[in-house]
Amino acid sequence: MTRPSTDQVWEWLDAVPDPEIPVISVVDLGIVRDVEWDDNTLVVTVTPTYSGCPATSIINLDIETALRGHGVEQIELKRKISPAWTTDWMSDKGRAKLEDYGIAPPQPAGGPERCPNCKSTNVERISQFGSTPCKAQWRCTDCLEPFDYFKCI
C-alpha cells in the first residue's frame, strides 16, 4: 500500500463521528490534535474533551478502526492532555452541525445565544447537568422545548 498523505488521513478522520454526538466528527470536535508519520507508523494525537471522558476509549477504537479500514496497519494513538481541550478548538462547521442537531453550541458567555429549535433568544437554564458531563439542560421560554447546551470549556 502506498502511504497516504496526512491530508488524506485528516479527511478520513473527519468522517469518524463522536460517539456521544454522532453528527459531529472527532476532527470538528477538535480532539484530533495532530497526524504525522513516524517512519511507517501513523501517529495520531488525541486530546480528550476532559481527562475522565468515558467516550475516550470508544473514540480511540473508532479512529483505529477507520484507519485500518483504509489500509493503515501501523498506528500509534497518543493521548495528549496538556494543553487541556477547549471548546475553542471546535470548528465552525462542527458548531453549525451541533445547532442543526438541536444542541446549542458553546458560547463564551457561558450560555446559549438562542434556542437551536426555534431560534428564540428567550432561554433559561434548567440544570447545569445534561445528558453527558459536557452538556447542560436549557429550555426555550417561547417554544417551551428543552435542549442541550454544549458547555464552554
Protein backbone atom coordinates (compact mmCIF):
# COMPACT_ATOMS: atom_id res chain seq x y z
CA MET A 1 0.00 0.00 0.00
CA THR A 2 1.17 3.49 -0.79
CA ARG A 3 1.41 5.59 2.34
CA PRO A 4 -1.48 8.10 2.36
CA SER A 5 -0.75 11.77 2.85
CA THR A 6 -1.58 13.37 6.17
CA ASP A 7 -4.21 15.47 4.34
CA GLN A 8 -5.89 12.23 3.25
CA VAL A 9 -5.77 10.90 6.81
CA TRP A 10 -7.38 14.12 8.09
CA GLU A 11 -10.20 13.60 5.56
CA TRP A 12 -10.71 10.03 6.78
CA LEU A 13 -10.75 11.16 10.41
CA ASP A 14 -13.28 13.87 9.56
CA ALA A 15 -15.70 11.01 8.81
CA VAL A 16 -15.28 9.46 12.30
CA PRO A 17 -18.26 10.55 14.41
CA ASP A 18 -18.11 11.43 18.08
CA PRO A 19 -19.86 8.50 19.83
CA GLU A 20 -21.88 10.77 22.13
CA ILE A 21 -22.87 13.30 19.46
CA PRO A 22 -22.72 11.42 16.14
CA VAL A 23 -23.44 14.45 13.93
CA ILE A 24 -20.05 15.95 14.72
CA SER A 25 -16.73 14.36 13.77
CA VAL A 26 -13.75 13.94 16.05
CA VAL A 27 -11.97 16.46 13.81
CA ASP A 28 -14.77 19.06 14.07
CA LEU A 29 -14.85 18.48 17.82
CA GLY A 30 -11.18 19.44 17.86
CA ILE A 31 -9.90 16.43 19.76
CA VAL A 32 -7.64 15.16 16.98
CA ARG A 33 -4.65 17.39 17.56
CA ASP A 34 -2.08 16.05 15.11
CA VAL A 35 -1.48 13.46 12.41
CA GLU A 36 2.05 12.56 11.35
CA TRP A 37 4.11 9.69 10.02
CA ASP A 38 6.98 8.34 12.11
CA ASP A 39 8.71 6.04 9.62
CA ASN A 40 5.95 3.53 8.73
CA THR A 41 3.78 4.26 11.78
CA LEU A 42 0.91 6.73 11.59
CA VAL A 43 0.83 8.70 14.83
CA VAL A 44 -2.49 10.33 15.72
CA THR A 45 -2.53 12.64 18.74
CA VAL A 46 -5.83 12.91 20.56
CA THR A 47 -6.81 15.26 23.39
CA PRO A 48 -10.00 14.14 25.17
CA THR A 49 -12.63 16.74 25.99
CA TYR A 50 -11.71 16.12 29.61
CA SER A 51 -9.39 13.63 31.25
CA GLY A 52 -12.20 11.45 32.61
CA CYS A 53 -14.31 11.39 29.45
CA PRO A 54 -15.99 7.97 29.31
CA ALA A 55 -16.04 8.02 25.49
CA THR A 56 -12.24 8.25 25.11
CA SER A 57 -11.66 4.51 24.65
CA ILE A 58 -14.50 4.27 22.11
CA ILE A 59 -13.15 7.28 20.22
CA ASN A 60 -9.70 5.68 20.04
CA LEU A 61 -11.19 2.39 18.85
CA ASP A 62 -13.27 4.19 16.20
CA ILE A 63 -10.21 6.12 14.97
CA GLU A 64 -8.15 2.95 14.76
CA THR A 65 -10.95 1.02 13.04
CA ALA A 66 -11.42 3.78 10.45
CA LEU A 67 -7.72 3.97 9.67
CA ARG A 68 -7.36 0.19 9.42
CA GLY A 69 -10.38 0.22 7.10
CA HIS A 70 -8.35 2.45 4.79
CA GLY A 71 -5.39 0.08 4.88
CA VAL A 72 -3.24 1.74 7.54
CA GLU A 73 -1.67 -1.08 9.52
CA GLN A 74 0.79 0.55 11.91
CA ILE A 75 -1.00 3.08 14.11
CA GLU A 76 0.01 4.77 17.33
CA LEU A 77 -2.61 6.75 19.22
CA LYS A 78 -1.04 9.30 21.53
CA ARG A 79 -3.09 10.82 24.32
CA LYS A 80 -2.17 14.44 25.00
CA ILE A 81 -3.86 16.11 27.95
CA SER A 82 -1.79 19.30 28.05
CA PRO A 83 -2.83 21.77 26.96
CA ALA A 84 -6.30 20.75 28.01
CA TRP A 85 -9.00 20.61 25.34
CA THR A 86 -11.13 23.70 24.97
CA THR A 87 -14.32 24.37 23.06
CA ASP A 88 -12.30 27.00 21.17
CA TRP A 89 -10.86 24.05 19.22
CA MET A 90 -14.26 23.14 17.75
CA SER A 91 -14.64 24.02 14.09
CA ASP A 92 -17.28 26.43 12.83
CA LYS A 93 -18.65 23.54 10.76
CA GLY A 94 -18.95 21.45 13.92
CA ARG A 95 -20.72 24.24 15.81
CA ALA A 96 -23.24 24.58 12.98
CA LYS A 97 -23.80 20.82 12.94
CA LEU A 98 -24.49 20.86 16.69
CA GLU A 99 -27.11 23.56 16.31
CA ASP A 100 -28.75 21.83 13.35
CA TYR A 101 -28.93 18.70 15.53
CA GLY A 102 -30.67 20.61 18.33
CA ILE A 103 -27.71 21.21 20.66
CA ALA A 104 -26.79 24.80 21.33
CA PRO A 105 -23.07 25.26 20.57
CA PRO A 106 -20.73 26.63 23.25
CA GLN A 107 -20.61 30.39 23.76
CA PRO A 108 -18.00 32.43 25.64
CA ALA A 109 -20.74 33.96 27.82
CA GLY A 110 -21.45 30.51 29.29
CA GLY A 111 -24.95 30.03 27.96
CA PRO A 112 -26.69 29.62 24.62
CA GLU A 113 -27.41 32.68 22.49
CA ARG A 114 -30.63 31.17 21.19
CA CYS A 115 -32.83 28.11 21.07
CA PRO A 116 -31.50 25.66 18.45
CA ASN A 117 -35.10 24.69 17.61
CA CYS A 118 -36.96 27.99 17.05
CA LYS A 119 -34.00 30.44 17.24
CA SER A 120 -35.63 32.49 20.02
CA THR A 121 -33.27 34.29 22.39
CA ASN A 122 -35.64 33.69 25.32
CA VAL A 123 -33.94 30.76 27.02
CA GLU A 124 -33.42 29.62 30.60
CA ARG A 125 -31.15 27.10 32.29
CA ILE A 126 -32.91 24.12 33.81
CA SER A 127 -29.84 22.30 35.09
CA GLN A 128 -26.08 22.68 34.89
CA PHE A 129 -26.01 18.94 34.21
CA GLY A 130 -27.23 17.43 30.95
CA SER A 131 -27.22 14.10 29.15
CA THR A 132 -23.40 13.99 29.24
CA PRO A 133 -20.90 15.79 31.52
CA CYS A 134 -20.06 18.29 28.76
CA LYS A 135 -23.67 19.46 28.35
CA ALA A 136 -26.21 21.42 30.41
CA GLN A 137 -30.00 21.34 30.13
CA TRP A 138 -31.78 24.51 28.94
CA ARG A 139 -35.31 25.36 27.82
CA CYS A 140 -36.75 27.89 25.41
CA THR A 141 -39.46 30.01 27.05
CA ASP A 142 -41.08 30.68 23.66
CA CYS A 143 -41.41 27.20 22.09
CA LEU A 144 -41.08 25.51 25.54
CA GLU A 145 -38.75 22.84 24.13
CA PRO A 146 -35.86 21.64 26.30
CA PHE A 147 -32.46 21.38 24.67
CA ASP A 148 -28.87 20.55 25.49
CA TYR A 149 -26.23 23.26 25.60
CA PHE A 150 -22.64 22.20 24.97
CA LYS A 151 -20.78 23.82 27.87
CA CYS A 152 -18.00 26.25 27.10
CA ILE A 153 -14.77 24.82 28.50
